[in-house]
Amino acid sequence: MTPPFPRGVRDPLDADHNDRSAAGLLAGSVSDEAKKLCEVTKMALDEAIKICKPGVAYRQIGGVINDIADAHKLGVIREYVGHGVGRAFHSAPTITHNRNNGPGFMKAGQTFTIEPMLVQVGAHVRTQRRCTTDMQTAQGYGLE
């Protein structure tokens, strides 16, 4: 159920920020490659969630996602990360979605996002104008 306030806006009922989004919705005629990209991205997210428990290093999330992307010959966007969610929006911890040596371990009661972005070509993006949600891969493919 979608709340009556936009993503990233403080929830007046619980005073915490929200970050509720889903991607990978397909409409109309979609190529097999696009379907595979969405399926593998969802698989990477699901497998990353499965390892989450107190004491697990945050960096393991990136390892799981990167392993799945590699197995399917896909790239992982490195410029965007998951993050803590609470009274401060985009707070610690930083959740990197590629292999990394980042510090920190999960703790009971933490809330954070895992937001893998897999791509068919390249693994780096450049943002357009001043809007960080309008971006392209280095090869010029648009991401929305």
N, C-alpha and C. Protein backbone atom coordinates (compact mmCIF):
# COMPACT_ATOMS: atom_id res chain seq x y z
N MET A 1 0.84 -1.18 0.00
CA MET A 1 0.00 0.00 0.00
C MET A 1 0.89 1.24 0.00
N THR A 2 0.62 2.17 -0.84
CA THR A 2 1.39 3.39 -0.92
C THR A 2 0.84 4.42 0.06
N PRO A 3 1.69 5.04 0.86
CA PRO A 3 1.22 6.04 1.82
C PRO A 3 0.79 7.31 1.09
N PRO A 4 0.07 8.20 1.76
CA PRO A 4 -0.42 9.41 1.12
C PRO A 4 0.63 10.51 1.03
N PHE A 5 1.90 10.19 1.14
CA PHE A 5 2.97 11.18 1.03
C PHE A 5 4.05 10.63 0.12
N PRO A 6 4.78 11.50 -0.56
CA PRO A 6 5.76 11.04 -1.54
C PRO A 6 6.96 10.36 -0.89
N ARG A 7 7.63 9.55 -1.69
CA ARG A 7 8.85 8.86 -1.27
C ARG A 7 9.85 9.89 -0.76
N GLY A 8 10.50 9.59 0.35
CA GLY A 8 11.54 10.47 0.87
C GLY A 8 11.03 11.57 1.78
N VAL A 9 9.74 11.62 2.02
CA VAL A 9 9.16 12.65 2.88
C VAL A 9 8.88 12.04 4.24
N ARG A 10 9.06 12.82 5.29
CA ARG A 10 8.83 12.29 6.63
C ARG A 10 7.38 11.87 6.81
N ASP A 11 7.21 10.73 7.43
CA ASP A 11 5.89 10.19 7.74
C ASP A 11 5.41 10.87 9.01
N PRO A 12 4.35 11.66 8.94
CA PRO A 12 3.90 12.40 10.12
C PRO A 12 3.41 11.50 11.24
N LEU A 13 3.08 10.24 10.95
CA LEU A 13 2.56 9.35 11.97
C LEU A 13 3.66 8.75 12.82
N ASP A 14 4.81 8.43 12.23
CA ASP A 14 5.85 7.80 13.03
C ASP A 14 7.13 8.63 13.09
N ALA A 15 7.14 9.79 12.48
CA ALA A 15 8.25 10.75 12.52
C ALA A 15 9.53 10.22 11.89
N ASP A 16 9.49 9.11 11.18
CA ASP A 16 10.65 8.61 10.47
C ASP A 16 10.46 8.85 8.99
N HIS A 17 11.58 8.97 8.29
CA HIS A 17 11.52 9.08 6.83
C HIS A 17 11.15 7.73 6.25
N ASN A 18 10.61 7.76 5.04
CA ASN A 18 10.33 6.51 4.34
C ASN A 18 11.13 6.51 3.06
N ASP A 19 11.35 5.35 2.52
CA ASP A 19 12.03 5.22 1.24
C ASP A 19 11.43 4.01 0.57
N ARG A 20 10.22 4.17 0.10
CA ARG A 20 9.48 3.04 -0.46
C ARG A 20 9.43 3.17 -1.96
N SER A 21 10.08 2.26 -2.62
CA SER A 21 10.04 2.28 -4.07
C SER A 21 10.25 0.87 -4.60
N ALA A 22 9.84 0.66 -5.81
CA ALA A 22 10.06 -0.61 -6.48
C ALA A 22 10.32 -0.29 -7.94
N ALA A 23 11.20 -1.03 -8.52
CA ALA A 23 11.51 -0.82 -9.94
C ALA A 23 11.41 -2.16 -10.65
N GLY A 24 11.55 -2.12 -11.93
CA GLY A 24 11.51 -3.35 -12.70
C GLY A 24 10.12 -3.70 -13.19
N LEU A 25 9.23 -2.75 -13.20
CA LEU A 25 7.89 -3.00 -13.73
C LEU A 25 7.96 -2.92 -15.25
N LEU A 26 7.41 -3.91 -15.89
CA LEU A 26 7.47 -3.98 -17.35
C LEU A 26 6.07 -3.78 -17.92
N ALA A 27 5.99 -3.01 -18.99
CA ALA A 27 4.70 -2.76 -19.63
C ALA A 27 4.87 -2.86 -21.13
N GLY A 28 3.86 -3.39 -21.78
CA GLY A 28 3.90 -3.50 -23.23
C GLY A 28 4.87 -4.55 -23.70
N SER A 29 5.35 -4.39 -24.92
CA SER A 29 6.29 -5.33 -25.52
C SER A 29 7.69 -5.07 -24.97
N VAL A 30 8.25 -6.06 -24.30
CA VAL A 30 9.54 -5.91 -23.64
C VAL A 30 10.47 -7.01 -24.14
N SER A 31 11.70 -6.64 -24.41
CA SER A 31 12.67 -7.62 -24.93
C SER A 31 13.02 -8.65 -23.86
N ASP A 32 13.47 -9.80 -24.32
CA ASP A 32 13.92 -10.84 -23.39
C ASP A 32 15.07 -10.35 -22.53
N GLU A 33 15.96 -9.51 -23.10
CA GLU A 33 17.07 -8.97 -22.33
C GLU A 33 16.58 -8.09 -21.19
N ALA A 34 15.57 -7.27 -21.46
CA ALA A 34 15.03 -6.39 -20.41
C ALA A 34 14.35 -7.23 -19.32
N LYS A 35 13.63 -8.26 -19.71
CA LYS A 35 13.01 -9.14 -18.73
C LYS A 35 14.06 -9.80 -17.85
N LYS A 36 15.13 -10.29 -18.49
CA LYS A 36 16.22 -10.93 -17.74
C LYS A 36 16.84 -9.94 -16.76
N LEU A 37 17.07 -8.71 -17.21
CA LEU A 37 17.66 -7.70 -16.34
C LEU A 37 16.81 -7.48 -15.09
N CYS A 38 15.51 -7.37 -15.26
CA CYS A 38 14.61 -7.17 -14.12
C CYS A 38 14.60 -8.39 -13.21
N GLU A 39 14.55 -9.57 -13.80
CA GLU A 39 14.52 -10.81 -13.00
C GLU A 39 15.80 -10.99 -12.20
N VAL A 40 16.94 -10.73 -12.81
CA VAL A 40 18.22 -10.91 -12.12
C VAL A 40 18.40 -9.84 -11.04
N THR A 41 17.96 -8.62 -11.31
CA THR A 41 18.04 -7.56 -10.29
C THR A 41 17.21 -7.93 -9.08
N LYS A 42 16.00 -8.44 -9.31
CA LYS A 42 15.13 -8.87 -8.20
C LYS A 42 15.78 -10.05 -7.45
N MET A 43 16.38 -10.98 -8.18
CA MET A 43 17.06 -12.10 -7.55
C MET A 43 18.20 -11.60 -6.67
N ALA A 44 18.98 -10.65 -7.17
CA ALA A 44 20.10 -10.10 -6.40
C ALA A 44 19.59 -9.45 -5.11
N LEU A 45 18.51 -8.69 -5.21
CA LEU A 45 17.92 -8.06 -4.03
C LEU A 45 17.47 -9.13 -3.03
N ASP A 46 16.73 -10.10 -3.50
CA ASP A 46 16.21 -11.15 -2.62
C ASP A 46 17.34 -11.91 -1.92
N GLU A 47 18.39 -12.25 -2.66
CA GLU A 47 19.51 -12.99 -2.07
C GLU A 47 20.27 -12.12 -1.08
N ALA A 48 20.40 -10.84 -1.36
CA ALA A 48 21.06 -9.93 -0.42
C ALA A 48 20.25 -9.83 0.88
N ILE A 49 18.95 -9.74 0.77
CA ILE A 49 18.10 -9.65 1.96
C ILE A 49 18.25 -10.90 2.82
N LYS A 50 18.38 -12.05 2.18
CA LYS A 50 18.49 -13.32 2.92
C LYS A 50 19.68 -13.38 3.86
N ILE A 51 20.75 -12.67 3.57
CA ILE A 51 21.93 -12.75 4.44
C ILE A 51 21.89 -11.76 5.60
N CYS A 52 20.89 -10.88 5.62
CA CYS A 52 20.84 -9.83 6.62
C CYS A 52 20.44 -10.36 7.99
N LYS A 53 21.32 -10.15 8.96
CA LYS A 53 21.06 -10.48 10.36
C LYS A 53 22.16 -9.84 11.19
N PRO A 54 21.93 -9.67 12.47
CA PRO A 54 22.95 -9.04 13.30
C PRO A 54 24.30 -9.76 13.18
N GLY A 55 25.36 -8.95 13.10
CA GLY A 55 26.71 -9.49 13.04
C GLY A 55 27.27 -9.67 11.64
N VAL A 56 26.43 -9.60 10.61
CA VAL A 56 26.90 -9.76 9.23
C VAL A 56 27.49 -8.43 8.77
N ALA A 57 28.64 -8.48 8.10
CA ALA A 57 29.27 -7.27 7.57
C ALA A 57 28.44 -6.69 6.44
N TYR A 58 28.25 -5.37 6.43
CA TYR A 58 27.50 -4.72 5.35
C TYR A 58 28.09 -5.05 3.98
N ARG A 59 29.42 -5.17 3.91
CA ARG A 59 30.08 -5.42 2.63
C ARG A 59 29.65 -6.73 1.98
N GLN A 60 29.14 -7.66 2.79
CA GLN A 60 28.69 -8.94 2.23
C GLN A 60 27.50 -8.75 1.30
N ILE A 61 26.71 -7.72 1.54
CA ILE A 61 25.57 -7.43 0.65
C ILE A 61 26.09 -7.17 -0.76
N GLY A 62 27.12 -6.33 -0.88
CA GLY A 62 27.70 -6.04 -2.18
C GLY A 62 28.28 -7.27 -2.85
N GLY A 63 28.89 -8.14 -2.06
CA GLY A 63 29.45 -9.37 -2.61
C GLY A 63 28.38 -10.26 -3.22
N VAL A 64 27.27 -10.41 -2.52
CA VAL A 64 26.17 -11.24 -3.02
C VAL A 64 25.62 -10.66 -4.32
N ILE A 65 25.36 -9.36 -4.33
CA ILE A 65 24.80 -8.71 -5.52
C ILE A 65 25.77 -8.81 -6.69
N ASN A 66 27.05 -8.51 -6.44
CA ASN A 66 28.05 -8.54 -7.51
C ASN A 66 28.24 -9.95 -8.08
N ASP A 67 28.23 -10.96 -7.22
CA ASP A 67 28.35 -12.35 -7.68
C ASP A 67 27.22 -12.72 -8.63
N ILE A 68 26.01 -12.33 -8.28
CA ILE A 68 24.85 -12.64 -9.13
C ILE A 68 24.94 -11.88 -10.45
N ALA A 69 25.31 -10.60 -10.39
CA ALA A 69 25.46 -9.82 -11.62
C ALA A 69 26.52 -10.45 -12.53
N ASP A 70 27.66 -10.81 -11.94
CA ASP A 70 28.73 -11.43 -12.74
C ASP A 70 28.27 -12.72 -13.40
N ALA A 71 27.53 -13.53 -12.66
CA ALA A 71 27.07 -14.82 -13.19
C ALA A 71 26.16 -14.63 -14.40
N HIS A 72 25.52 -13.47 -14.50
CA HIS A 72 24.59 -13.19 -15.61
C HIS A 72 25.16 -12.16 -16.58
N LYS A 73 26.47 -11.88 -16.44
CA LYS A 73 27.16 -10.94 -17.32
C LYS A 73 26.50 -9.55 -17.33
N LEU A 74 26.16 -9.08 -16.13
CA LEU A 74 25.57 -7.75 -15.96
C LEU A 74 26.52 -6.89 -15.13
N GLY A 75 26.38 -5.58 -15.26
CA GLY A 75 27.17 -4.65 -14.46
C GLY A 75 26.39 -4.18 -13.25
N VAL A 76 27.10 -3.66 -12.25
CA VAL A 76 26.50 -3.10 -11.05
C VAL A 76 26.84 -1.62 -11.00
N ILE A 77 25.84 -0.77 -10.93
CA ILE A 77 26.07 0.67 -10.79
C ILE A 77 26.68 0.92 -9.42
N ARG A 78 27.83 1.58 -9.38
CA ARG A 78 28.56 1.81 -8.13
C ARG A 78 28.26 3.17 -7.52
N GLU A 79 27.75 4.09 -8.31
CA GLU A 79 27.58 5.46 -7.83
C GLU A 79 26.41 5.65 -6.88
N TYR A 80 25.50 4.71 -6.83
CA TYR A 80 24.33 4.83 -5.96
C TYR A 80 24.34 3.71 -4.95
N VAL A 81 23.94 4.03 -3.73
CA VAL A 81 24.05 3.07 -2.62
C VAL A 81 22.75 2.99 -1.84
N GLY A 82 22.63 1.93 -1.05
CA GLY A 82 21.58 1.86 -0.06
C GLY A 82 22.01 2.69 1.15
N HIS A 83 21.11 2.86 2.09
CA HIS A 83 21.38 3.78 3.20
C HIS A 83 20.46 3.47 4.37
N GLY A 84 20.83 4.02 5.50
CA GLY A 84 19.97 3.91 6.67
C GLY A 84 18.72 4.75 6.49
N VAL A 85 17.66 4.35 7.16
CA VAL A 85 16.40 5.07 7.12
C VAL A 85 15.92 5.26 8.56
N GLY A 86 15.55 6.47 8.89
CA GLY A 86 15.09 6.75 10.24
C GLY A 86 14.75 8.21 10.38
N ARG A 87 15.11 8.79 11.49
CA ARG A 87 14.80 10.20 11.73
C ARG A 87 15.56 11.12 10.77
N ALA A 88 16.72 10.67 10.30
CA ALA A 88 17.47 11.40 9.28
C ALA A 88 17.42 10.58 7.99
N PHE A 89 17.04 11.23 6.89
CA PHE A 89 16.94 10.53 5.61
C PHE A 89 18.34 10.35 5.04
N HIS A 90 18.59 9.21 4.42
CA HIS A 90 19.91 8.87 3.85
C HIS A 90 20.99 8.93 4.92
N SER A 91 20.74 8.27 6.02
CA SER A 91 21.71 8.22 7.11
C SER A 91 22.55 6.96 7.02
N ALA A 92 23.48 6.82 7.97
CA ALA A 92 24.29 5.60 8.05
C ALA A 92 23.38 4.43 8.41
N PRO A 93 23.74 3.24 7.97
CA PRO A 93 24.95 2.85 7.27
C PRO A 93 24.82 3.03 5.75
N THR A 94 25.97 3.12 5.09
CA THR A 94 26.00 3.14 3.64
C THR A 94 26.10 1.69 3.15
N ILE A 95 25.19 1.31 2.27
CA ILE A 95 25.15 -0.06 1.75
C ILE A 95 25.63 -0.03 0.29
N THR A 96 26.85 -0.49 0.08
CA THR A 96 27.44 -0.52 -1.25
C THR A 96 27.02 -1.82 -1.94
N HIS A 97 26.61 -1.74 -3.20
CA HIS A 97 26.03 -2.89 -3.90
C HIS A 97 27.02 -3.68 -4.75
N ASN A 98 28.28 -3.31 -4.69
CA ASN A 98 29.31 -4.05 -5.41
C ASN A 98 30.32 -4.57 -4.38
N ARG A 99 31.24 -5.45 -4.82
CA ARG A 99 32.27 -5.94 -3.91
C ARG A 99 33.02 -4.77 -3.33
N ASN A 100 33.27 -4.80 -2.03
CA ASN A 100 33.92 -3.68 -1.36
C ASN A 100 34.52 -4.14 -0.04
N ASN A 101 35.29 -3.27 0.57
CA ASN A 101 35.90 -3.56 1.87
C ASN A 101 35.37 -2.60 2.93
N GLY A 102 34.13 -2.14 2.74
CA GLY A 102 33.55 -1.18 3.66
C GLY A 102 33.44 -1.71 5.08
N PRO A 103 33.45 -0.79 6.04
CA PRO A 103 33.39 -1.18 7.45
C PRO A 103 31.97 -1.41 7.94
N GLY A 104 31.86 -2.01 9.09
CA GLY A 104 30.60 -2.08 9.81
C GLY A 104 29.87 -3.40 9.72
N PHE A 105 29.08 -3.64 10.75
CA PHE A 105 28.31 -4.87 10.88
C PHE A 105 26.86 -4.54 11.22
N MET A 106 25.95 -5.36 10.74
CA MET A 106 24.52 -5.17 11.00
C MET A 106 24.23 -5.37 12.48
N LYS A 107 23.25 -4.57 12.95
CA LYS A 107 22.83 -4.65 14.35
C LYS A 107 21.33 -4.87 14.41
N ALA A 108 20.87 -5.53 15.44
CA ALA A 108 19.44 -5.75 15.62
C ALA A 108 18.73 -4.40 15.70
N GLY A 109 17.59 -4.29 15.03
CA GLY A 109 16.78 -3.09 15.08
C GLY A 109 17.13 -2.03 14.05
N GLN A 110 18.16 -2.23 13.26
CA GLN A 110 18.52 -1.27 12.23
C GLN A 110 17.54 -1.34 11.06
N THR A 111 17.37 -0.21 10.42
CA THR A 111 16.58 -0.16 9.18
C THR A 111 17.45 0.48 8.12
N PHE A 112 17.63 -0.22 7.01
CA PHE A 112 18.39 0.33 5.89
C PHE A 112 17.84 -0.23 4.60
N THR A 113 18.18 0.45 3.51
CA THR A 113 17.71 0.03 2.19
C THR A 113 18.80 -0.75 1.47
N ILE A 114 18.38 -1.63 0.60
CA ILE A 114 19.25 -2.31 -0.34
C ILE A 114 18.64 -2.00 -1.70
N GLU A 115 19.38 -1.29 -2.55
CA GLU A 115 18.82 -0.78 -3.80
C GLU A 115 19.74 -1.11 -4.99
N PRO A 116 19.92 -2.39 -5.31
CA PRO A 116 20.84 -2.71 -6.40
C PRO A 116 20.34 -2.18 -7.74
N MET A 117 21.28 -1.67 -8.53
CA MET A 117 20.98 -1.22 -9.89
C MET A 117 21.90 -2.01 -10.81
N LEU A 118 21.34 -2.96 -11.53
CA LEU A 118 22.12 -3.73 -12.48
C LEU A 118 21.86 -3.19 -13.88
N VAL A 119 22.86 -3.29 -14.72
CA VAL A 119 22.76 -2.78 -16.09
C VAL A 119 23.33 -3.80 -17.07
N GLN A 120 22.87 -3.70 -18.31
CA GLN A 120 23.33 -4.62 -19.34
C GLN A 120 24.71 -4.26 -19.85
N VAL A 121 25.05 -3.00 -19.86
CA VAL A 121 26.36 -2.56 -20.35
C VAL A 121 26.94 -1.53 -19.40
N GLY A 122 28.24 -1.58 -19.21
CA GLY A 122 28.91 -0.60 -18.36
C GLY A 122 28.48 -0.71 -16.91
N ALA A 123 29.21 -0.06 -16.06
CA ALA A 123 28.87 -0.10 -14.64
C ALA A 123 29.08 1.26 -13.99
N HIS A 124 29.10 2.31 -14.78
CA HIS A 124 29.24 3.65 -14.23
C HIS A 124 28.20 4.54 -14.88
N VAL A 125 27.76 5.55 -14.15
CA VAL A 125 26.75 6.47 -14.67
C VAL A 125 27.25 7.90 -14.57
N ARG A 126 26.61 8.76 -15.32
CA ARG A 126 26.82 10.20 -15.16
C ARG A 126 25.44 10.82 -15.02
N THR A 127 25.30 11.73 -14.09
CA THR A 127 24.01 12.37 -13.89
C THR A 127 23.86 13.50 -14.89
N GLN A 128 22.63 13.81 -15.21
CA GLN A 128 22.31 14.85 -16.17
C GLN A 128 21.80 16.08 -15.42
N ARG A 129 22.27 17.24 -15.83
CA ARG A 129 21.86 18.50 -15.21
C ARG A 129 22.09 18.43 -13.70
N ARG A 130 21.17 18.92 -12.94
CA ARG A 130 21.32 18.91 -11.49
C ARG A 130 20.42 17.88 -10.83
N CYS A 131 19.72 17.11 -11.62
CA CYS A 131 18.79 16.13 -11.09
C CYS A 131 19.49 14.78 -10.98
N THR A 132 19.66 14.28 -9.77
CA THR A 132 20.40 13.04 -9.58
C THR A 132 19.58 11.81 -9.97
N THR A 133 18.32 11.99 -10.33
CA THR A 133 17.55 10.83 -10.77
C THR A 133 17.47 10.73 -12.28
N ASP A 134 18.06 11.70 -12.99
CA ASP A 134 18.11 11.67 -14.45
C ASP A 134 19.54 11.33 -14.81
N MET A 135 19.79 10.06 -15.14
CA MET A 135 21.17 9.62 -15.35
C MET A 135 21.28 8.72 -16.55
N GLN A 136 22.52 8.52 -16.97
CA GLN A 136 22.82 7.64 -18.10
C GLN A 136 24.03 6.80 -17.74
N THR A 137 24.11 5.62 -18.37
CA THR A 137 25.35 4.85 -18.27
C THR A 137 26.41 5.60 -19.04
N ALA A 138 27.67 5.25 -18.84
CA ALA A 138 28.76 5.90 -19.55
C ALA A 138 28.61 5.75 -21.06
N GLN A 139 27.89 4.72 -21.50
CA GLN A 139 27.66 4.50 -22.92
C GLN A 139 26.48 5.30 -23.46
N GLY A 140 25.78 6.03 -22.60
CA GLY A 140 24.68 6.86 -23.04
C GLY A 140 23.30 6.27 -22.90
N TYR A 141 23.18 5.09 -22.28
CA TYR A 141 21.85 4.50 -22.08
C TYR A 141 21.17 5.16 -20.90
N GLY A 142 19.93 5.59 -21.09
CA GLY A 142 19.20 6.28 -20.04
C GLY A 142 18.74 5.34 -18.94
N LEU A 143 18.79 5.84 -17.71
CA LEU A 143 18.26 5.13 -16.54
C LEU A 143 17.27 6.05 -15.89
N GLU A 144 16.11 5.57 -15.55
CA GLU A 144 15.11 6.41 -14.89
C GLU A 144 14.64 5.74 -13.65
